[in-house]
Amino acid sequence: MDTKPKYLPGQHPRAQWMRMDAAGILKRFFFLERALVIAQSGWLAGIAPVHIKTGLPEFSWQDAETATDLRERIFELRFPSRLMELDKDAPLVGLFEEAINAPSSGAFLLGLQRVFKPALRDAYAAYLENTDAIADGPTLRFLRLAHREKNEQIEQLGIWAAELLSGDPAAAEAAERWAAGLQTALDALGGVSFEPEIPQIPAPQLPERKPFGLAQDPARDERFHQVRFYWPDIVDPNFAYGEGIGLQLRSAISHFNEVWAVETAGAILHAFAGELGWEFIHDAAHWTYDEARHTQMGLNRLMHWGFEPEEIPLGDYIYQSAHGEDPIYRLGMLFFFETKNIGRKNVRIKAFTEYEDEVSRHDMDYDWADETIHASYGAHWLGELLKNRAGEDVDKVRAYCGELVARIVATCTDEERAAIHAIAEKLMAKAHSSLAQ
């Protein structure tokens, strides 16, 4: 006689993962997203085309938002623990961290498009298919969005990579070897799997690997008029900032030239990710994306008014002013300019209202809100860094940043000064001519 107790049937596909199993998988996803956010940010200064330099920050921001959602969900599943350690995921995360060591910007984008983004996209799709939609419902919302974003990113990255590699067969071949090597290494680790154990194998020898170094001289888009100083008032105290059409143009040119801030925000994210942790990475990714949108605002207005890229000055003096300096001064430079200009924006919004220039007013209004937040980012994170730096304080950092900018402005030659005057005069003349027509 069978005396074994009888129970209702408990076998069910929903019971595949316990909460700690799910948390372990999501933790793996988090660290992989983190690695790509840092790599994408570090590469911005080394990418020349403006549309790629200002497009990639959106992907970093999306990835940072996904990573933040993953992190918070992990904390929920593991409550009350908030411990986040790599543990046995280190080999896989280490491979994703290798993304930054691409031999060229085109190869970097190709590695993202061919290997890293598809690996995460496919892992998200598999997780969505296998997790319990009841118990793990909160995860589904953001992973569905992340899966869609990865598909969109992959499509765009392929276009950008092809653009950067076209016309250079040697670079294209090196990029292909790089991407193939990454895929081989990922396959050896079992891909982005759900297995609790990842093969603990030696770091791969990746073909064409080139150790990453931040671009101290920023790559510039050849379609634009390349200069150091992008408007006469920067180097000529007798040249007014402008009003009327002059203010409209100066504001748009200034917005467009916030490309230096895109590069700088990416540079500090990369530099201080380890020291300042995830909350800083998340803020810096948002900061970088905001600056990219400001750059796009200026270019969009200038193109709307009929200007061609070759007529538009694209400078680099602010980024160059921190050449070779401790990255803390790049953070200080962002903070310096954010706080320097905030008070003037409402005045310009009022002026654009009087000019019935709705788009300039619109862009400046959003810019004001963004940069008010950025000032708080700068104050907070600069303060956190300075806690561990004896003899430094915010005022000293700000003063030194001002000195760095003054030094490079002082190197402006008469030829450069005359050239930027001529560029501005041509832009003003074309603007007046278009109104006359």
Protein backbone atom coordinates (compact mmCIF):
# COMPACT_ATOMS: atom_id res chain seq x y z
CA MET A 1 0.00 0.00 0.00
CA ASP A 2 1.35 3.42 -1.07
CA THR A 3 1.55 5.60 2.04
CA LYS A 4 3.35 8.50 0.32
CA PRO A 5 1.42 11.73 0.91
CA LYS A 6 -0.52 13.10 -2.05
CA TYR A 7 -0.25 16.75 -3.12
CA LEU A 8 -1.70 18.88 -5.84
CA PRO A 9 0.53 18.95 -8.96
CA GLY A 10 3.23 21.64 -8.75
CA GLN A 11 5.11 21.20 -12.00
CA HIS A 12 4.65 24.31 -14.14
CA PRO A 13 6.73 26.19 -16.73
CA ARG A 14 6.40 29.33 -14.63
CA ALA A 15 8.54 27.82 -11.90
CA GLN A 16 11.71 27.65 -13.99
CA TRP A 17 13.60 30.37 -12.07
CA MET A 18 13.48 31.31 -8.42
CA ARG A 19 13.92 35.00 -7.66
CA MET A 20 17.63 34.65 -6.92
CA ASP A 21 18.11 32.85 -10.24
CA ALA A 22 16.43 35.73 -12.06
CA ALA A 23 18.44 38.28 -10.07
CA GLY A 24 21.67 36.56 -11.10
CA ILE A 25 20.77 36.74 -14.78
CA LEU A 26 19.72 40.38 -14.56
CA LYS A 27 22.95 41.21 -12.72
CA ARG A 28 24.88 39.78 -15.65
CA PHE A 29 22.87 41.99 -18.02
CA PHE A 30 23.56 45.05 -15.85
CA PHE A 31 27.33 44.69 -15.94
CA LEU A 32 27.30 44.10 -19.69
CA GLU A 33 25.24 47.25 -20.30
CA ARG A 34 27.55 49.18 -17.98
CA ALA A 35 30.60 48.11 -19.99
CA LEU A 36 29.04 49.34 -23.24
CA VAL A 37 27.95 52.69 -21.75
CA ILE A 38 31.53 53.39 -20.69
CA ALA A 39 33.00 52.29 -24.03
CA GLN A 40 30.54 54.31 -26.12
CA SER A 41 31.21 57.40 -24.02
CA GLY A 42 34.98 57.13 -24.18
CA TRP A 43 34.99 56.88 -27.97
CA LEU A 44 32.98 60.07 -28.66
CA ALA A 45 35.95 62.42 -28.95
CA GLY A 46 37.54 60.07 -31.48
CA ILE A 47 34.53 59.97 -33.83
CA ALA A 48 34.48 62.68 -36.50
CA PRO A 49 31.05 62.83 -38.21
CA VAL A 50 28.77 65.09 -36.18
CA HIS A 51 25.68 62.96 -36.75
CA ILE A 52 27.46 59.92 -35.28
CA LYS A 53 29.15 61.87 -32.48
CA THR A 54 25.76 63.23 -31.43
CA GLY A 55 23.79 60.05 -32.24
CA LEU A 56 25.78 57.56 -30.21
CA PRO A 57 25.08 59.37 -26.89
CA GLU A 58 21.40 58.53 -27.29
CA PHE A 59 22.34 54.85 -27.33
CA SER A 60 24.52 55.29 -24.24
CA TRP A 61 21.64 57.02 -22.47
CA GLN A 62 19.21 54.27 -23.49
CA ASP A 63 21.64 51.61 -22.27
CA ALA A 64 22.16 53.49 -19.00
CA GLU A 65 18.41 53.67 -18.45
CA THR A 66 18.13 49.94 -19.09
CA ALA A 67 20.99 49.27 -16.70
CA THR A 68 19.36 51.43 -14.02
CA ASP A 69 16.10 49.51 -14.38
CA LEU A 70 18.02 46.24 -14.18
CA ARG A 71 19.86 47.39 -11.06
CA GLU A 72 16.71 48.47 -9.26
CA ARG A 73 14.96 45.21 -10.16
CA ILE A 74 17.92 43.22 -8.84
CA PHE A 75 17.68 45.11 -5.55
CA GLU A 76 13.96 44.30 -5.37
CA LEU A 77 14.57 40.60 -5.98
CA ARG A 78 17.42 40.46 -3.47
CA PHE A 79 15.93 42.79 -0.87
CA PRO A 80 17.34 43.92 1.50
CA SER A 81 20.76 43.22 -0.02
CA ARG A 82 22.18 45.84 -2.39
CA LEU A 83 25.40 44.00 -3.09
CA MET A 84 26.48 44.02 -6.75
CA GLU A 85 29.58 41.98 -7.49
CA LEU A 86 30.93 40.53 -10.72
CA ASP A 87 31.75 37.14 -9.23
CA LYS A 88 31.79 34.44 -11.91
CA ASP A 89 30.55 36.82 -14.61
CA ALA A 90 33.99 38.46 -14.81
CA PRO A 91 35.20 36.72 -18.02
CA LEU A 92 32.06 37.69 -19.96
CA VAL A 93 32.02 41.24 -18.63
CA GLY A 94 35.74 41.47 -19.36
CA LEU A 95 35.07 40.64 -23.00
CA PHE A 96 32.40 43.36 -23.24
CA GLU A 97 34.90 45.77 -21.66
CA GLU A 98 37.24 44.91 -24.53
CA ALA A 99 34.81 46.65 -26.90
CA ILE A 100 36.63 49.92 -26.27
CA ASN A 101 39.98 48.56 -27.50
CA ALA A 102 38.96 48.58 -31.16
CA PRO A 103 41.55 49.53 -33.79
CA SER A 104 39.41 52.38 -35.19
CA SER A 105 36.13 54.16 -34.65
CA GLY A 106 34.62 52.18 -37.55
CA ALA A 107 35.79 48.91 -36.02
CA PHE A 108 34.38 49.97 -32.66
CA LEU A 109 30.94 50.55 -34.16
CA LEU A 110 31.17 47.32 -36.15
CA GLY A 111 31.94 45.35 -32.99
CA LEU A 112 28.90 46.86 -31.31
CA GLN A 113 26.69 46.17 -34.33
CA ARG A 114 27.86 42.64 -35.11
CA VAL A 115 28.60 41.20 -31.69
CA PHE A 116 27.73 43.02 -28.48
CA LYS A 117 24.35 44.58 -29.20
CA PRO A 118 22.92 41.44 -30.88
CA ALA A 119 24.14 39.31 -27.98
CA LEU A 120 22.21 41.44 -25.51
CA ARG A 121 19.18 41.76 -27.78
CA ASP A 122 18.94 38.00 -28.19
CA ALA A 123 19.46 37.40 -24.49
CA TYR A 124 16.66 39.85 -23.69
CA ALA A 125 14.36 38.11 -26.16
CA ALA A 126 15.10 34.73 -24.59
CA TYR A 127 14.59 36.08 -21.08
CA LEU A 128 11.24 37.60 -22.03
CA GLU A 129 10.17 34.25 -23.48
CA ASN A 130 11.25 32.20 -20.48
CA THR A 131 10.56 34.29 -17.41
CA ASP A 132 7.32 34.14 -15.46
CA ALA A 133 5.11 36.99 -16.58
CA ILE A 134 3.29 36.93 -13.25
CA ALA A 135 6.04 36.71 -10.65
CA ASP A 136 8.58 38.65 -12.70
CA GLY A 137 6.14 41.04 -14.36
CA PRO A 138 8.03 44.25 -13.44
CA THR A 139 11.05 43.10 -15.47
CA LEU A 140 9.01 42.63 -18.65
CA ARG A 141 8.18 46.30 -19.12
CA PHE A 142 11.72 47.62 -19.35
CA LEU A 143 13.23 44.57 -21.07
CA ARG A 144 10.64 44.79 -23.85
CA LEU A 145 11.70 48.40 -24.38
CA ALA A 146 15.39 47.47 -24.21
CA HIS A 147 14.89 44.72 -26.79
CA ARG A 148 13.23 47.17 -29.19
CA GLU A 149 15.94 49.77 -28.63
CA LYS A 150 18.69 47.22 -29.30
CA ASN A 151 17.11 46.35 -32.65
CA GLU A 152 17.00 50.03 -33.59
CA GLN A 153 20.57 50.56 -32.41
CA ILE A 154 21.87 47.60 -34.41
CA GLU A 155 20.32 48.92 -37.62
CA GLN A 156 21.79 52.41 -37.15
CA LEU A 157 25.20 51.17 -36.01
CA GLY A 158 25.50 49.15 -39.20
CA ILE A 159 24.88 52.27 -41.29
CA TRP A 160 27.41 54.28 -39.31
CA ALA A 161 30.08 51.57 -39.37
CA ALA A 162 29.75 51.23 -43.15
CA GLU A 163 30.06 55.00 -43.51
CA LEU A 164 33.24 55.18 -41.43
CA LEU A 165 34.88 52.20 -43.12
CA SER A 166 33.96 52.97 -46.73
CA GLY A 167 36.86 54.07 -48.88
CA ASP A 168 39.50 52.54 -46.59
CA PRO A 169 39.92 48.84 -47.47
CA ALA A 170 42.70 48.30 -44.92
CA ALA A 171 40.62 49.71 -42.07
CA ALA A 172 37.58 47.74 -43.22
CA GLU A 173 39.57 44.48 -43.28
CA ALA A 174 40.98 45.18 -39.82
CA ALA A 175 37.47 45.91 -38.56
CA GLU A 176 36.21 42.62 -39.96
CA ARG A 177 39.00 40.71 -38.21
CA TRP A 178 38.27 42.58 -34.99
CA ALA A 179 34.55 41.76 -35.08
CA ALA A 180 35.20 38.14 -36.01
CA GLY A 181 37.64 37.80 -33.13
CA LEU A 182 35.10 39.23 -30.70
CA GLN A 183 32.45 36.77 -31.90
CA THR A 184 34.83 33.83 -31.53
CA ALA A 185 35.69 34.91 -28.01
CA LEU A 186 32.02 35.37 -27.11
CA ASP A 187 31.16 31.94 -28.49
CA ALA A 188 33.90 30.40 -26.35
CA LEU A 189 32.19 31.88 -23.29
CA GLY A 190 28.82 30.47 -24.31
CA GLY A 191 27.43 33.83 -25.39
CA VAL A 192 25.21 35.81 -23.04
CA SER A 193 23.62 32.75 -21.49
CA PHE A 194 21.46 32.11 -18.44
CA GLU A 195 23.82 29.49 -17.07
CA PRO A 196 25.01 30.23 -13.55
CA GLU A 197 28.53 29.15 -14.47
CA ILE A 198 30.54 30.87 -17.20
CA PRO A 199 33.65 29.14 -18.56
CA GLN A 200 36.60 30.47 -16.60
CA ILE A 201 39.00 30.68 -19.52
CA PRO A 202 41.99 32.96 -20.17
CA ALA A 203 41.35 36.35 -21.71
CA PRO A 204 41.31 36.00 -25.51
CA GLN A 205 44.00 37.33 -27.82
CA LEU A 206 41.88 39.60 -29.99
CA PRO A 207 43.08 40.36 -33.53
CA GLU A 208 43.75 44.04 -34.28
CA ARG A 209 43.30 45.01 -30.61
CA LYS A 210 44.53 48.54 -29.87
CA PRO A 211 44.56 49.70 -26.23
CA PHE A 212 42.14 52.59 -25.85
CA GLY A 213 43.33 56.08 -25.10
CA LEU A 214 41.11 59.14 -24.90
CA ALA A 215 41.48 61.37 -27.96
CA GLN A 216 43.25 64.48 -26.67
CA ASP A 217 42.80 66.09 -30.09
CA PRO A 218 39.10 65.68 -30.94
CA ALA A 219 38.12 64.27 -34.32
CA ARG A 220 36.33 66.85 -36.44
CA ASP A 221 33.80 66.51 -39.25
CA GLU A 222 35.48 67.62 -42.49
CA ARG A 223 32.21 68.86 -43.96
CA PHE A 224 32.27 71.89 -41.65
CA HIS A 225 34.56 74.92 -41.55
CA GLN A 226 37.16 73.78 -39.04
CA VAL A 227 38.56 76.45 -36.73
CA ARG A 228 39.76 76.68 -33.15
CA PHE A 229 37.59 79.68 -32.17
CA TYR A 230 34.10 79.59 -33.63
CA TRP A 231 32.95 83.23 -33.25
CA PRO A 232 34.80 86.57 -33.14
CA ASP A 233 33.69 87.60 -29.65
CA ILE A 234 35.72 84.70 -28.21
CA VAL A 235 38.99 86.29 -29.33
CA ASP A 236 38.00 89.92 -29.95
CA PRO A 237 36.69 91.86 -26.93
CA ASN A 238 35.47 94.62 -29.26
CA PHE A 239 33.14 92.28 -31.12
CA ALA A 240 29.71 92.30 -29.48
CA TYR A 241 27.89 89.07 -28.70
CA GLY A 242 25.14 90.45 -30.89
CA GLU A 243 21.45 91.23 -31.08
CA GLY A 244 18.82 90.64 -33.72
CA ILE A 245 20.11 88.42 -36.50
CA GLY A 246 23.54 88.48 -34.88
CA LEU A 247 22.12 86.99 -31.69
CA GLN A 248 20.14 84.40 -33.63
CA LEU A 249 23.25 83.26 -35.49
CA ARG A 250 25.56 83.46 -32.47
CA SER A 251 23.15 81.38 -30.40
CA ALA A 252 22.81 78.70 -33.09
CA ILE A 253 26.58 78.57 -33.68
CA SER A 254 27.14 78.30 -29.94
CA HIS A 255 24.64 75.48 -29.63
CA PHE A 256 26.25 73.62 -32.52
CA ASN A 257 29.67 74.01 -30.97
CA GLU A 258 28.52 72.33 -27.79
CA VAL A 259 30.01 69.32 -29.53
CA TRP A 260 32.96 69.96 -27.19
CA ALA A 261 30.62 69.32 -24.26
CA VAL A 262 29.46 66.04 -25.80
CA GLU A 263 33.07 64.90 -26.03
CA THR A 264 33.90 66.16 -22.55
CA ALA A 265 30.90 64.57 -20.85
CA GLY A 266 31.78 61.27 -22.51
CA ALA A 267 35.40 61.65 -21.45
CA ILE A 268 34.57 62.20 -17.79
CA LEU A 269 32.10 59.31 -17.76
CA HIS A 270 34.87 57.04 -18.99
CA ALA A 271 37.47 58.54 -16.65
CA PHE A 272 35.52 58.40 -13.39
CA ALA A 273 33.18 55.43 -13.87
CA GLY A 274 35.20 53.25 -11.53
CA GLU A 275 35.84 55.89 -8.89
CA LEU A 276 32.35 57.40 -8.67
CA GLY A 277 30.15 54.41 -9.40
CA TRP A 278 26.84 53.79 -11.08
CA GLU A 279 24.91 56.90 -10.03
CA PHE A 280 27.63 59.03 -11.62
CA ILE A 281 27.63 56.94 -14.80
CA HIS A 282 23.87 57.34 -15.06
CA ASP A 283 24.03 61.12 -14.58
CA ALA A 284 26.95 61.49 -16.99
CA ALA A 285 25.19 59.45 -19.68
CA HIS A 286 22.18 61.75 -19.40
CA TRP A 287 24.50 64.78 -19.44
CA THR A 288 26.23 63.54 -22.59
CA TYR A 289 22.91 62.91 -24.35
CA ASP A 290 21.65 66.39 -23.39
CA GLU A 291 24.75 68.03 -24.85
CA ALA A 292 24.31 65.99 -28.03
CA ARG A 293 20.76 67.26 -28.37
CA HIS A 294 21.94 70.86 -27.87
CA THR A 295 24.47 70.39 -30.66
CA GLN A 296 21.74 69.04 -32.91
CA MET A 297 19.50 72.00 -32.01
CA GLY A 298 22.05 74.49 -33.28
CA LEU A 299 22.81 72.59 -36.47
CA ASN A 300 19.11 72.08 -37.16
CA ARG A 301 18.42 75.84 -36.91
CA LEU A 302 21.37 76.73 -39.12
CA MET A 303 20.35 74.24 -41.80
CA HIS A 304 16.73 75.44 -41.56
CA TRP A 305 17.96 78.96 -42.30
CA GLY A 306 19.71 77.73 -45.43
CA PHE A 307 23.34 77.49 -44.37
CA GLU A 308 25.56 74.74 -45.76
CA PRO A 309 27.94 72.72 -43.58
CA GLU A 310 31.03 74.24 -45.18
CA GLU A 311 29.82 77.71 -44.10
CA ILE A 312 29.39 76.75 -40.45
CA PRO A 313 32.39 77.13 -38.10
CA LEU A 314 33.20 74.12 -35.93
CA GLY A 315 35.72 74.84 -33.19
CA ASP A 316 37.62 72.86 -30.60
CA TYR A 317 39.34 75.36 -28.30
CA ILE A 318 37.45 74.46 -25.12
CA TYR A 319 38.10 70.73 -25.47
CA GLN A 320 41.71 71.46 -26.43
CA SER A 321 42.19 73.68 -23.39
CA ALA A 322 42.21 70.56 -21.17
CA HIS A 323 44.64 68.67 -23.43
CA GLY A 324 46.66 66.27 -21.29
CA GLU A 325 45.21 67.60 -18.03
CA ASP A 326 43.85 65.55 -15.15
CA PRO A 327 40.27 64.56 -16.15
CA ILE A 328 38.97 66.41 -13.10
CA TYR A 329 39.53 69.59 -15.08
CA ARG A 330 37.37 68.30 -17.90
CA LEU A 331 34.59 67.89 -15.35
CA GLY A 332 35.46 71.32 -14.01
CA MET A 333 35.32 72.76 -17.51
CA LEU A 334 31.77 71.51 -18.02
CA PHE A 335 30.77 72.87 -14.61
CA PHE A 336 32.54 76.18 -15.34
CA PHE A 337 30.66 76.82 -18.58
CA GLU A 338 27.29 75.51 -17.36
CA THR A 339 27.24 77.90 -14.39
CA LYS A 340 28.78 80.77 -16.40
CA ASN A 341 26.00 80.89 -18.99
CA ILE A 342 22.81 79.86 -17.17
CA GLY A 343 21.88 83.41 -16.15
CA ARG A 344 22.00 84.70 -19.72
CA LYS A 345 19.58 82.19 -21.19
CA ASN A 346 16.36 83.75 -19.91
CA VAL A 347 17.46 87.09 -21.34
CA ARG A 348 17.95 85.44 -24.72
CA ILE A 349 14.60 83.66 -24.48
CA LYS A 350 13.00 87.08 -23.99
CA ALA A 351 14.87 88.46 -27.00
CA PHE A 352 13.83 85.56 -29.22
CA THR A 353 10.23 86.14 -28.15
CA GLU A 354 10.52 89.74 -29.36
CA TYR A 355 12.03 88.54 -32.67
CA GLU A 356 9.17 86.03 -33.07
CA ASP A 357 11.88 83.39 -33.41
CA GLU A 358 9.91 80.50 -31.95
CA VAL A 359 12.47 77.78 -32.66
CA SER A 360 15.39 79.62 -31.02
CA ARG A 361 13.20 80.42 -28.03
CA HIS A 362 12.05 76.79 -27.88
CA ASP A 363 15.60 75.41 -27.99
CA MET A 364 16.92 77.90 -25.44
CA ASP A 365 14.05 77.09 -23.09
CA TYR A 366 14.88 73.37 -23.09
CA ASP A 367 18.58 74.18 -22.92
CA TRP A 368 18.03 76.28 -19.78
CA ALA A 369 16.29 73.39 -18.01
CA ASP A 370 18.99 70.91 -19.02
CA GLU A 371 21.88 73.10 -17.98
CA THR A 372 20.33 73.93 -14.63
CA ILE A 373 20.35 70.19 -13.95
CA HIS A 374 23.91 69.92 -15.32
CA ALA A 375 25.10 72.57 -12.88
CA SER A 376 23.81 70.39 -10.04
CA TYR A 377 25.57 67.37 -11.57
CA GLY A 378 28.82 69.31 -11.74
CA ALA A 379 28.61 70.64 -8.20
CA HIS A 380 27.76 67.23 -6.74
CA TRP A 381 30.25 65.06 -8.58
CA LEU A 382 33.08 67.55 -8.45
CA GLY A 383 32.48 67.68 -4.71
CA GLU A 384 32.64 63.88 -4.50
CA LEU A 385 35.94 63.80 -6.37
CA LEU A 386 37.45 66.55 -4.27
CA LYS A 387 36.79 64.65 -1.04
CA ASN A 388 39.77 62.46 -1.92
CA ARG A 389 42.02 65.24 -3.22
CA ALA A 390 43.86 67.20 -0.59
CA GLY A 391 44.51 70.86 -1.27
CA GLU A 392 41.84 71.16 -3.96
CA ASP A 393 38.42 72.77 -3.77
CA VAL A 394 35.71 73.75 -6.23
CA ASP A 395 36.85 77.36 -6.46
CA LYS A 396 40.42 76.32 -7.28
CA VAL A 397 39.23 73.92 -9.96
CA ARG A 398 36.97 76.56 -11.50
CA ALA A 399 39.76 79.14 -11.43
CA TYR A 400 42.20 76.77 -13.08
CA CYS A 401 39.66 75.91 -15.79
CA GLY A 402 39.24 79.61 -16.50
CA GLU A 403 43.03 79.92 -16.69
CA LEU A 404 43.26 77.01 -19.14
CA VAL A 405 40.71 78.62 -21.44
CA ALA A 406 42.40 82.02 -21.17
CA ARG A 407 45.74 80.46 -22.08
CA ILE A 408 44.46 78.93 -25.29
CA VAL A 409 42.53 82.07 -26.27
CA ALA A 410 45.77 84.01 -25.82
CA THR A 411 47.38 81.84 -28.52
CA CYS A 412 44.95 83.08 -31.17
CA THR A 413 46.88 84.45 -34.12
CA ASP A 414 46.02 87.50 -36.18
CA GLU A 415 45.31 85.16 -39.09
CA GLU A 416 42.84 83.13 -37.02
CA ARG A 417 41.17 86.29 -35.77
CA ALA A 418 40.78 87.64 -39.28
CA ALA A 419 39.49 84.27 -40.52
CA ILE A 420 36.73 83.96 -37.94
CA HIS A 421 35.72 87.58 -38.56
CA ALA A 422 35.42 86.76 -42.26
CA ILE A 423 33.35 83.63 -41.54
CA ALA A 424 30.97 85.56 -39.29
CA GLU A 425 30.63 88.39 -41.81
CA LYS A 426 29.75 85.93 -44.58
CA LEU A 427 27.13 84.26 -42.41
CA MET A 428 25.62 87.62 -41.49
CA ALA A 429 25.65 88.76 -45.13
CA LYS A 430 23.91 85.59 -46.28
CA ALA A 431 21.30 85.94 -43.54
CA HIS A 432 20.52 89.54 -44.56
CA SER A 433 20.49 88.55 -48.23
CA SER A 434 17.97 85.78 -47.62
CA LEU A 435 15.70 88.26 -45.82
CA ALA A 436 15.94 90.70 -48.71
CA GLN A 437 14.83 88.02 -51.13
